[in-house]
Amino acid sequence: MKTNNKKGILALLGIGAGAWAFWKYKTMPPEKKEALKSSINEAGDKLKKTVNELESKVAENYDRTKNSAKEKLKEMTK
């Protein structure tokens, strides 16, 4: 099977899965829709929190490393 055929089959499967998910969502009762929306929002909030924590840790480590390098450079130039 050629790669183009494999990509085409994967694309069709993806479209089919998307259509099935859309249909399942449309036929869902309103309570389950709200539960799904809230769980997605929770996951998004957790992801944002984690990204912000990682960003601050990276910035902290960068500053610490930069200051350490400056100190060592000063020691070497004395």
PDB file of N, CA and C in Angstrom:
ATOM      1  N   MET A   1       0.840  -1.178   0.000  1.00  0.00           N
ATOM      2  CA  MET A   1       0.000   0.000   0.000  1.00  0.00           C
ATOM      3  C   MET A   1       0.884   1.239   0.000  1.00  0.00           C
ATOM      4  N   LYS A   2       0.586   2.173  -0.852  1.00  0.00           N
ATOM      5  CA  LYS A   2       1.379   3.395  -0.941  1.00  0.00           C
ATOM      6  C   LYS A   2       1.071   4.306   0.233  1.00  0.00           C
ATOM      7  N   THR A   3       1.999   5.216   0.511  1.00  0.00           N
ATOM      8  CA  THR A   3       1.799   6.150   1.626  1.00  0.00           C
ATOM      9  C   THR A   3       0.606   7.062   1.387  1.00  0.00           C
ATOM     10  N   ASN A   4       0.352   7.424   0.120  1.00  0.00           N
ATOM     11  CA  ASN A   4      -0.802   8.277  -0.165  1.00  0.00           C
ATOM     12  C   ASN A   4      -2.093   7.565   0.205  1.00  0.00           C
ATOM     13  N   ASN A   5      -2.162   6.259  -0.080  1.00  0.00           N
ATOM     14  CA  ASN A   5      -3.352   5.490   0.270  1.00  0.00           C
ATOM     15  C   ASN A   5      -3.508   5.412   1.785  1.00  0.00           C
ATOM     16  N   LYS A   6      -2.403   5.235   2.497  1.00  0.00           N
ATOM     17  CA  LYS A   6      -2.457   5.165   3.959  1.00  0.00           C
ATOM     18  C   LYS A   6      -2.933   6.492   4.530  1.00  0.00           C
ATOM     19  N   LYS A   7      -2.416   7.586   3.981  1.00  0.00           N
ATOM     20  CA  LYS A   7      -2.828   8.907   4.462  1.00  0.00           C
ATOM     21  C   LYS A   7      -4.302   9.143   4.179  1.00  0.00           C
ATOM     22  N   GLY A   8      -4.770   8.699   3.018  1.00  0.00           N
ATOM     23  CA  GLY A   8      -6.175   8.855   2.661  1.00  0.00           C
ATOM     24  C   GLY A   8      -7.084   8.074   3.580  1.00  0.00           C
ATOM     25  N   ILE A   9      -6.687   6.854   3.893  1.00  0.00           N
ATOM     26  CA  ILE A   9      -7.477   6.021   4.798  1.00  0.00           C
ATOM     27  C   ILE A   9      -7.496   6.633   6.189  1.00  0.00           C
ATOM     28  N   LEU A  10      -6.348   7.117   6.662  1.00  0.00           N
ATOM     29  CA  LEU A  10      -6.295   7.767   7.968  1.00  0.00           C
ATOM     30  C   LEU A  10      -7.157   9.025   7.999  1.00  0.00           C
ATOM     31  N   ALA A  11      -7.159   9.773   6.905  1.00  0.00           N
ATOM     32  CA  ALA A  11      -7.992  10.978   6.831  1.00  0.00           C
ATOM     33  C   ALA A  11      -9.467  10.617   6.895  1.00  0.00           C
ATOM     34  N   LEU A  12      -9.859   9.574   6.174  1.00  0.00           N
ATOM     35  CA  LEU A  12     -11.257   9.130   6.207  1.00  0.00           C
ATOM     36  C   LEU A  12     -11.654   8.643   7.598  1.00  0.00           C
ATOM     37  N   LEU A  13     -10.747   7.923   8.257  1.00  0.00           N
ATOM     38  CA  LEU A  13     -11.037   7.472   9.618  1.00  0.00           C
ATOM     39  C   LEU A  13     -11.187   8.655  10.568  1.00  0.00           C
ATOM     40  N   GLY A  14     -10.333   9.656  10.390  1.00  0.00           N
ATOM     41  CA  GLY A  14     -10.427  10.852  11.226  1.00  0.00           C
ATOM     42  C   GLY A  14     -11.732  11.594  11.011  1.00  0.00           C
ATOM     43  N   ILE A  15     -12.152  11.722   9.761  1.00  0.00           N
ATOM     44  CA  ILE A  15     -13.412  12.390   9.451  1.00  0.00           C
ATOM     45  C   ILE A  15     -14.574  11.590  10.028  1.00  0.00           C
ATOM     46  N   GLY A  16     -14.497  10.283   9.900  1.00  0.00           N
ATOM     47  CA  GLY A  16     -15.556   9.427  10.451  1.00  0.00           C
ATOM     48  C   GLY A  16     -15.638   9.540  11.958  1.00  0.00           C
ATOM     49  N   ALA A  17     -14.489   9.560  12.627  1.00  0.00           N
ATOM     50  CA  ALA A  17     -14.476   9.687  14.087  1.00  0.00           C
ATOM     51  C   ALA A  17     -15.023  11.043  14.507  1.00  0.00           C
ATOM     52  N   GLY A  18     -14.686  12.088  13.764  1.00  0.00           N
ATOM     53  CA  GLY A  18     -15.201  13.421  14.068  1.00  0.00           C
ATOM     54  C   GLY A  18     -16.707  13.493  13.883  1.00  0.00           C
ATOM     55  N   ALA A  19     -17.206  12.894  12.805  1.00  0.00           N
ATOM     56  CA  ALA A  19     -18.652  12.886  12.554  1.00  0.00           C
ATOM     57  C   ALA A  19     -19.380  12.103  13.642  1.00  0.00           C
ATOM     58  N   TRP A  20     -18.799  10.975  14.054  1.00  0.00           N
ATOM     59  CA  TRP A  20     -19.419  10.170  15.118  1.00  0.00           C
ATOM     60  C   TRP A  20     -19.443  10.946  16.428  1.00  0.00           C
ATOM     61  N   ALA A  21     -18.347  11.629  16.758  1.00  0.00           N
ATOM     62  CA  ALA A  21     -18.292  12.409  17.997  1.00  0.00           C
ATOM     63  C   ALA A  21     -19.300  13.547  17.954  1.00  0.00           C
ATOM     64  N   PHE A  22     -19.448  14.206  16.805  1.00  0.00           N
ATOM     65  CA  PHE A  22     -20.417  15.288  16.651  1.00  0.00           C
ATOM     66  C   PHE A  22     -21.839  14.762  16.854  1.00  0.00           C
ATOM     67  N   TRP A  23     -22.136  13.628  16.248  1.00  0.00           N
ATOM     68  CA  TRP A  23     -23.467  13.020  16.387  1.00  0.00           C
ATOM     69  C   TRP A  23     -23.736  12.632  17.836  1.00  0.00           C
ATOM     70  N   LYS A  24     -22.736  12.033  18.493  1.00  0.00           N
ATOM     71  CA  LYS A  24     -22.906  11.635  19.899  1.00  0.00           C
ATOM     72  C   LYS A  24     -23.166  12.861  20.769  1.00  0.00           C
ATOM     73  N   TYR A  25     -22.462  13.953  20.503  1.00  0.00           N
ATOM     74  CA  TYR A  25     -22.647  15.168  21.291  1.00  0.00           C
ATOM     75  C   TYR A  25     -24.042  15.748  21.059  1.00  0.00           C
ATOM     76  N   LYS A  26     -24.494  15.749  19.822  1.00  0.00           N
ATOM     77  CA  LYS A  26     -25.806  16.314  19.502  1.00  0.00           C
ATOM     78  C   LYS A  26     -26.939  15.501  20.124  1.00  0.00           C
ATOM     79  N   THR A  27     -26.755  14.193  20.284  1.00  0.00           N
ATOM     80  CA  THR A  27     -27.810  13.351  20.852  1.00  0.00           C
ATOM     81  C   THR A  27     -27.696  13.199  22.368  1.00  0.00           C
ATOM     82  N   MET A  28     -26.708  13.841  22.966  1.00  0.00           N
ATOM     83  CA  MET A  28     -26.488  13.772  24.409  1.00  0.00           C
ATOM     84  C   MET A  28     -27.538  14.597  25.152  1.00  0.00           C
ATOM     85  N   PRO A  29     -27.965  14.126  26.321  1.00  0.00           N
ATOM     86  CA  PRO A  29     -28.878  14.949  27.122  1.00  0.00           C
ATOM     87  C   PRO A  29     -28.151  16.198  27.642  1.00  0.00           C
ATOM     88  N   PRO A  30     -28.898  17.266  27.908  1.00  0.00           N
ATOM     89  CA  PRO A  30     -28.274  18.529  28.335  1.00  0.00           C
ATOM     90  C   PRO A  30     -27.399  18.390  29.591  1.00  0.00           C
ATOM     91  N   GLU A  31     -27.779  17.527  30.524  1.00  0.00           N
ATOM     92  CA  GLU A  31     -26.972  17.361  31.740  1.00  0.00           C
ATOM     93  C   GLU A  31     -25.592  16.819  31.409  1.00  0.00           C
ATOM     94  N   LYS A  32     -25.545  15.855  30.513  1.00  0.00           N
ATOM     95  CA  LYS A  32     -24.250  15.270  30.140  1.00  0.00           C
ATOM     96  C   LYS A  32     -23.408  16.269  29.340  1.00  0.00           C
ATOM     97  N   LYS A  33     -24.079  17.109  28.529  1.00  0.00           N
ATOM     98  CA  LYS A  33     -23.348  18.139  27.793  1.00  0.00           C
ATOM     99  C   LYS A  33     -22.677  19.100  28.770  1.00  0.00           C
ATOM    100  N   GLU A  34     -23.409  19.508  29.795  1.00  0.00           N
ATOM    101  CA  GLU A  34     -22.849  20.418  30.795  1.00  0.00           C
ATOM    102  C   GLU A  34     -21.692  19.766  31.545  1.00  0.00           C
ATOM    103  N   ALA A  35     -21.861  18.474  31.881  1.00  0.00           N
ATOM    104  CA  ALA A  35     -20.782  17.760  32.567  1.00  0.00           C
ATOM    105  C   ALA A  35     -19.539  17.681  31.688  1.00  0.00           C
ATOM    106  N   LEU A  36     -19.741  17.425  30.413  1.00  0.00           N
ATOM    107  CA  LEU A  36     -18.616  17.355  29.473  1.00  0.00           C
ATOM    108  C   LEU A  36     -17.932  18.714  29.354  1.00  0.00           C
ATOM    109  N   LYS A  37     -18.732  19.772  29.225  1.00  0.00           N
ATOM    110  CA  LYS A  37     -18.169  21.115  29.116  1.00  0.00           C
ATOM    111  C   LYS A  37     -17.375  21.486  30.365  1.00  0.00           C
ATOM    112  N   SER A  38     -17.924  21.151  31.539  1.00  0.00           N
ATOM    113  CA  SER A  38     -17.222  21.507  32.775  1.00  0.00           C
ATOM    114  C   SER A  38     -15.930  20.708  32.921  1.00  0.00           C
ATOM    115  N   SER A  39     -15.937  19.441  32.521  1.00  0.00           N
ATOM    116  CA  SER A  39     -14.697  18.657  32.615  1.00  0.00           C
ATOM    117  C   SER A  39     -13.644  19.181  31.642  1.00  0.00           C
ATOM    118  N   ILE A  40     -14.069  19.631  30.465  1.00  0.00           N
ATOM    119  CA  ILE A  40     -13.125  20.214  29.502  1.00  0.00           C
ATOM    120  C   ILE A  40     -12.574  21.524  30.051  1.00  0.00           C
ATOM    121  N   ASN A  41     -13.434  22.340  30.647  1.00  0.00           N
ATOM    122  CA  ASN A  41     -12.971  23.599  31.234  1.00  0.00           C
ATOM    123  C   ASN A  41     -12.005  23.349  32.385  1.00  0.00           C
ATOM    124  N   GLU A  42     -12.285  22.347  33.213  1.00  0.00           N
ATOM    125  CA  GLU A  42     -11.370  21.996  34.311  1.00  0.00           C
ATOM    126  C   GLU A  42     -10.011  21.584  33.773  1.00  0.00           C
ATOM    127  N   ALA A  43     -10.028  20.740  32.746  1.00  0.00           N
ATOM    128  CA  ALA A  43      -8.765  20.288  32.163  1.00  0.00           C
ATOM    129  C   ALA A  43      -7.985  21.476  31.591  1.00  0.00           C
ATOM    130  N   GLY A  44      -8.687  22.406  30.953  1.00  0.00           N
ATOM    131  CA  GLY A  44      -8.032  23.596  30.422  1.00  0.00           C
ATOM    132  C   GLY A  44      -7.434  24.453  31.522  1.00  0.00           C
ATOM    133  N   ASP A  45      -8.173  24.605  32.624  1.00  0.00           N
ATOM    134  CA  ASP A  45      -7.661  25.392  33.747  1.00  0.00           C
ATOM    135  C   ASP A  45      -6.421  24.742  34.361  1.00  0.00           C
ATOM    136  N   LYS A  46      -6.460  23.414  34.518  1.00  0.00           N
ATOM    137  CA  LYS A  46      -5.305  22.696  35.065  1.00  0.00           C
ATOM    138  C   LYS A  46      -4.096  22.847  34.147  1.00  0.00           C
ATOM    139  N   LEU A  47      -4.347  22.771  32.846  1.00  0.00           N
ATOM    140  CA  LEU A  47      -3.260  22.908  31.884  1.00  0.00           C
ATOM    141  C   LEU A  47      -2.651  24.306  31.947  1.00  0.00           C
ATOM    142  N   LYS A  48      -3.499  25.324  32.018  1.00  0.00           N
ATOM    143  CA  LYS A  48      -2.998  26.701  32.120  1.00  0.00           C
ATOM    144  C   LYS A  48      -2.175  26.878  33.391  1.00  0.00           C
ATOM    145  N   LYS A  49      -2.672  26.325  34.498  1.00  0.00           N
ATOM    146  CA  LYS A  49      -1.960  26.441  35.772  1.00  0.00           C
ATOM    147  C   LYS A  49      -0.588  25.774  35.686  1.00  0.00           C
ATOM    148  N   THR A  50      -0.557  24.585  35.101  1.00  0.00           N
ATOM    149  CA  THR A  50       0.703  23.855  34.965  1.00  0.00           C
ATOM    150  C   THR A  50       1.680  24.618  34.079  1.00  0.00           C
ATOM    151  N   VAL A  51       1.190  25.162  32.979  1.00  0.00           N
ATOM    152  CA  VAL A  51       2.059  25.921  32.067  1.00  0.00           C
ATOM    153  C   VAL A  51       2.615  27.149  32.782  1.00  0.00           C
ATOM    154  N   ASN A  52       1.769  27.842  33.545  1.00  0.00           N
ATOM    155  CA  ASN A  52       2.239  29.029  34.272  1.00  0.00           C
ATOM    156  C   ASN A  52       3.291  28.663  35.310  1.00  0.00           C
ATOM    157  N   GLU A  53       3.080  27.542  36.011  1.00  0.00           N
ATOM    158  CA  GLU A  53       4.067  27.096  37.000  1.00  0.00           C
ATOM    159  C   GLU A  53       5.387  26.760  36.320  1.00  0.00           C
ATOM    160  N   LEU A  54       5.316  26.037  35.215  1.00  0.00           N
ATOM    161  CA  LEU A  54       6.544  25.685  34.492  1.00  0.00           C
ATOM    162  C   LEU A  54       7.249  26.921  33.969  1.00  0.00           C
ATOM    163  N   GLU A  55       6.482  27.873  33.475  1.00  0.00           N
ATOM    164  CA  GLU A  55       7.072  29.106  32.958  1.00  0.00           C
ATOM    165  C   GLU A  55       7.818  29.858  34.058  1.00  0.00           C
ATOM    166  N   SER A  56       7.221  29.921  35.248  1.00  0.00           N
ATOM    167  CA  SER A  56       7.894  30.632  36.339  1.00  0.00           C
ATOM    168  C   SER A  56       9.140  29.873  36.800  1.00  0.00           C
ATOM    169  N   LYS A  57       9.090  28.541  36.817  1.00  0.00           N
ATOM    170  CA  LYS A  57      10.267  27.755  37.206  1.00  0.00           C
ATOM    171  C   LYS A  57      11.398  27.941  36.198  1.00  0.00           C
ATOM    172  N   VAL A  58      11.051  27.941  34.918  1.00  0.00           N
ATOM    173  CA  VAL A  58      12.069  28.127  33.879  1.00  0.00           C
ATOM    174  C   VAL A  58      12.685  29.511  33.999  1.00  0.00           C
ATOM    175  N   ALA A  59      11.860  30.520  34.223  1.00  0.00           N
ATOM    176  CA  ALA A  59      12.376  31.884  34.371  1.00  0.00           C
ATOM    177  C   ALA A  59      13.274  31.983  35.593  1.00  0.00           C
ATOM    178  N   GLU A  60      12.876  31.337  36.691  1.00  0.00           N
ATOM    179  CA  GLU A  60      13.693  31.324  37.913  1.00  0.00           C
ATOM    180  C   GLU A  60      15.048  30.686  37.649  1.00  0.00           C
ATOM    181  N   ASN A  61      15.028  29.514  37.042  1.00  0.00           N
ATOM    182  CA  ASN A  61      16.278  28.805  36.755  1.00  0.00           C
ATOM    183  C   ASN A  61      17.156  29.593  35.785  1.00  0.00           C
ATOM    184  N   TYR A  62      16.539  30.250  34.818  1.00  0.00           N
ATOM    185  CA  TYR A  62      17.301  31.061  33.869  1.00  0.00           C
ATOM    186  C   TYR A  62      17.999  32.207  34.596  1.00  0.00           C
ATOM    187  N   ASP A  63      17.256  32.903  35.444  1.00  0.00           N
ATOM    188  CA  ASP A  63      17.848  34.019  36.190  1.00  0.00           C
ATOM    189  C   ASP A  63      18.972  33.538  37.103  1.00  0.00           C
ATOM    190  N   ARG A  64      18.743  32.423  37.780  1.00  0.00           N
ATOM    191  CA  ARG A  64      19.755  31.878  38.686  1.00  0.00           C
ATOM    192  C   ARG A  64      21.022  31.504  37.911  1.00  0.00           C
ATOM    193  N   THR A  65      20.851  30.860  36.773  1.00  0.00           N
ATOM    194  CA  THR A  65      21.994  30.454  35.954  1.00  0.00           C
ATOM    195  C   THR A  65      22.720  31.674  35.395  1.00  0.00           C
ATOM    196  N   LYS A  66      21.961  32.664  34.956  1.00  0.00           N
ATOM    197  CA  LYS A  66      22.564  33.879  34.408  1.00  0.00           C
ATOM    198  C   LYS A  66      23.388  34.596  35.472  1.00  0.00           C
ATOM    199  N   ASN A  67      22.830  34.712  36.671  1.00  0.00           N
ATOM    200  CA  ASN A  67      23.563  35.370  37.761  1.00  0.00           C
ATOM    201  C   ASN A  67      24.804  34.581  38.152  1.00  0.00           C
ATOM    202  N   SER A  68      24.681  33.275  38.184  1.00  0.00           N
ATOM    203  CA  SER A  68      25.826  32.432  38.517  1.00  0.00           C
ATOM    204  C   SER A  68      26.930  32.593  37.471  1.00  0.00           C
ATOM    205  N   ALA A  69      26.531  32.641  36.212  1.00  0.00           N
ATOM    206  CA  ALA A  69      27.523  32.805  35.149  1.00  0.00           C
ATOM    207  C   ALA A  69      28.208  34.168  35.247  1.00  0.00           C
ATOM    208  N   LYS A  70      27.439  35.202  35.576  1.00  0.00           N
ATOM    209  CA  LYS A  70      28.029  36.538  35.727  1.00  0.00           C
ATOM    210  C   LYS A  70      29.028  36.557  36.874  1.00  0.00           C
ATOM    211  N   GLU A  71      28.671  35.918  37.978  1.00  0.00           N
ATOM    212  CA  GLU A  71      29.585  35.866  39.138  1.00  0.00           C
ATOM    213  C   GLU A  71      30.875  35.133  38.788  1.00  0.00           C
ATOM    214  N   LYS A  72      30.754  34.019  38.098  1.00  0.00           N
ATOM    215  CA  LYS A  72      31.955  33.250  37.722  1.00  0.00           C
ATOM    216  C   LYS A  72      32.803  34.040  36.752  1.00  0.00           C
ATOM    217  N   LEU A  73      32.179  34.783  35.861  1.00  0.00           N
ATOM    218  CA  LEU A  73      32.930  35.592  34.918  1.00  0.00           C
ATOM    219  C   LEU A  73      33.686  36.703  35.647  1.00  0.00           C
ATOM    220  N   LYS A  74      33.049  37.308  36.647  1.00  0.00           N
ATOM    221  CA  LYS A  74      33.712  38.339  37.442  1.00  0.00           C
ATOM    222  C   LYS A  74      34.910  37.754  38.181  1.00  0.00           C
ATOM    223  N   GLU A  75      34.749  36.543  38.735  1.00  0.00           N
ATOM    224  CA  GLU A  75      35.839  35.882  39.438  1.00  0.00           C
ATOM    225  C   GLU A  75      36.990  35.581  38.494  1.00  0.00           C
ATOM    226  N   MET A  76      36.681  35.182  37.284  1.00  0.00           N
ATOM    227  CA  MET A  76      37.727  34.846  36.328  1.00  0.00           C
ATOM    228  C   MET A  76      38.478  36.074  35.840  1.00  0.00           C
ATOM    229  N   THR A  77      37.811  37.197  35.761  1.00  0.00           N
ATOM    230  CA  THR A  77      38.451  38.408  35.248  1.00  0.00           C
ATOM    231  C   THR A  77      39.225  39.155  36.321  1.00  0.00           C
ATOM    232  N   LYS A  78      39.117  38.784  37.582  1.00  0.00           N
ATOM    233  CA  LYS A  78      39.858  39.451  38.662  1.00  0.00           C
ATOM    234  C   LYS A  78      41.300  39.096  38.636  1.00  0.00           C
TER     235      LYS A  78
END
